[in-house]
Amino acid sequence: MPSVTLQTSGKTIEVANDTNLLRMSIRYEGSVPYKCGGGLCGTCRVRIVEGNESVSKVMKKEIDRLGQDKIDQGYRLACQTFVTGDVTIAWGEEDLERLNKIAQRRINAAQ
C-alpha cells in the first residue's frame, strides 16, 4: 500500500492505490484546506515534495486554476490528484512565508 506523508500536518497515512489526496485528507483528518472539492476554487493546492512520479497525470482543471508555472513547481490540486505510490505533500508555505515577512517587519519596526 502506498503511504502519503502530509508534511504540513505531520501525518503519514497508508492508502489504497488510486486514492484521491483530498478525500484521503478529509477521511483521516489530514488538514488539507478545501472549499469545493471539485477543481473549481483552487483552495486544495498542495505541493508534491517527493514522489511526483507516484501521482496521476495533471488534469486540465489544474492547469486552469494553478497555471503551468505552479504545475512546473510541483503544485497540484488535491481534489484532482490520485496516488499510485509513496508521496510527500505540503501546503501553505507561501502563506507562512508572507506571514513571517510581515512579522519580521513588525519586529524590526519595534526595535
Protein backbone atom coordinates (compact mmCIF):
# COMPACT_ATOMS: atom_id res chain seq x y z
CA MET A 1 0.00 0.00 0.00
CA PRO A 2 1.26 3.48 -0.82
CA SER A 3 1.86 5.90 2.02
CA VAL A 4 1.12 9.61 1.92
CA THR A 5 3.12 11.87 4.20
CA LEU A 6 1.34 15.12 4.96
CA GLN A 7 4.37 17.21 5.85
CA THR A 8 2.41 20.26 7.00
CA SER A 9 0.17 18.40 9.45
CA GLY A 10 2.80 15.82 10.41
CA LYS A 11 0.80 12.71 9.50
CA THR A 12 1.67 9.65 7.42
CA ILE A 13 -1.23 7.58 6.15
CA GLU A 14 -1.26 4.28 4.28
CA VAL A 15 -3.80 4.33 1.46
CA ALA A 16 -5.11 2.09 -1.28
CA ASN A 17 -3.71 2.55 -4.78
CA ASP A 18 -5.54 5.28 -6.75
CA THR A 19 -6.70 7.11 -3.61
CA ASN A 20 -7.65 10.75 -4.09
CA LEU A 21 -5.47 13.10 -1.99
CA LEU A 22 -8.29 15.37 -0.85
CA ARG A 23 -10.69 12.55 0.08
CA MET A 24 -7.87 10.84 1.98
CA SER A 25 -7.14 14.05 3.87
CA ILE A 26 -10.80 14.52 4.78
CA ARG A 27 -11.23 10.89 5.88
CA TYR A 28 -8.08 10.82 8.06
CA GLU A 29 -8.17 14.46 9.24
CA GLY A 30 -5.05 15.41 7.32
CA SER A 31 -5.95 19.13 7.26
CA VAL A 32 -5.50 19.87 3.54
CA PRO A 33 -7.56 23.06 3.11
CA TYR A 34 -10.51 22.94 0.70
CA LYS A 35 -13.83 24.55 -0.14
CA CYS A 36 -15.43 22.96 -3.23
CA GLY A 37 -13.67 19.61 -3.74
CA GLY A 38 -14.27 19.73 -7.50
CA GLY A 39 -11.34 21.63 -9.01
CA LEU A 40 -13.15 24.95 -9.24
CA CYS A 41 -11.81 27.05 -6.37
CA GLY A 42 -8.14 26.01 -6.09
CA THR A 43 -8.06 26.08 -2.28
CA CYS A 44 -6.80 22.49 -2.02
CA ARG A 45 -3.50 23.40 -3.66
CA VAL A 46 -0.66 21.21 -2.38
CA ARG A 47 2.98 20.83 -3.39
CA ILE A 48 4.34 17.39 -4.19
CA VAL A 49 7.55 17.39 -2.12
CA GLU A 50 8.55 13.83 -3.01
CA GLY A 51 7.01 11.20 -5.26
CA ASN A 52 5.90 13.26 -8.25
CA GLU A 53 6.18 10.07 -10.30
CA SER A 54 3.64 8.44 -7.95
CA VAL A 55 0.65 10.65 -8.68
CA SER A 56 -1.85 10.82 -11.53
CA LYS A 57 -1.26 12.99 -14.59
CA VAL A 58 -2.07 16.70 -14.39
CA MET A 59 -5.69 17.47 -15.26
CA LYS A 60 -6.89 20.41 -17.37
CA LYS A 61 -8.70 21.89 -14.32
CA GLU A 62 -5.37 22.05 -12.51
CA ILE A 63 -3.68 23.95 -15.32
CA ASP A 64 -6.66 26.33 -15.50
CA ARG A 65 -6.62 27.02 -11.72
CA LEU A 66 -2.91 26.91 -10.94
CA GLY A 67 -1.20 27.84 -14.20
CA GLN A 68 1.64 25.96 -15.83
CA ASP A 69 4.28 27.78 -13.75
CA LYS A 70 2.87 26.42 -10.46
CA ILE A 71 2.43 22.96 -12.01
CA ASP A 72 6.10 23.04 -13.02
CA GLN A 73 6.99 23.90 -9.40
CA GLY A 74 5.22 20.74 -8.21
CA TYR A 75 1.86 22.18 -7.19
CA ARG A 76 -1.32 20.15 -7.71
CA LEU A 77 -4.97 20.31 -6.69
CA ALA A 78 -5.53 17.60 -4.07
CA CYS A 79 -9.09 17.06 -5.34
CA GLN A 80 -7.78 16.17 -8.81
CA THR A 81 -4.74 14.10 -7.77
CA PHE A 82 -4.66 10.34 -7.20
CA VAL A 83 -1.86 8.38 -5.50
CA THR A 84 -0.13 5.44 -7.19
CA GLY A 85 2.88 5.15 -4.85
CA ASP A 86 4.58 6.83 -1.87
CA VAL A 87 4.13 10.60 -1.83
CA THR A 88 5.01 13.51 0.45
CA ILE A 89 2.88 16.64 0.18
CA ALA A 90 2.89 20.06 1.83
CA TRP A 91 0.72 23.17 1.64
CA GLY A 92 0.61 26.72 2.90
CA GLU A 93 4.32 27.54 2.60
CA GLU A 94 3.67 30.72 0.65
CA ASP A 95 1.23 31.95 3.29
CA LEU A 96 3.71 31.12 6.06
CA GLU A 97 6.49 32.94 4.20
CA ARG A 98 4.33 36.02 3.76
CA LEU A 99 3.26 36.00 7.43
CA ASN A 100 6.88 35.54 8.57
CA LYS A 101 7.96 38.54 6.47
CA ILE A 102 5.19 40.68 7.98
CA ALA A 103 6.16 39.53 11.48
CA GLN A 104 9.84 40.30 10.82
CA ARG A 105 8.98 43.81 9.57
CA ARG A 106 6.95 44.43 12.73
CA ILE A 107 9.81 43.18 14.91
CA ASN A 108 12.31 45.39 13.08
CA ALA A 109 10.00 48.42 13.34
CA ALA A 110 9.65 47.93 17.11
CA GLN A 111 13.43 47.95 17.68
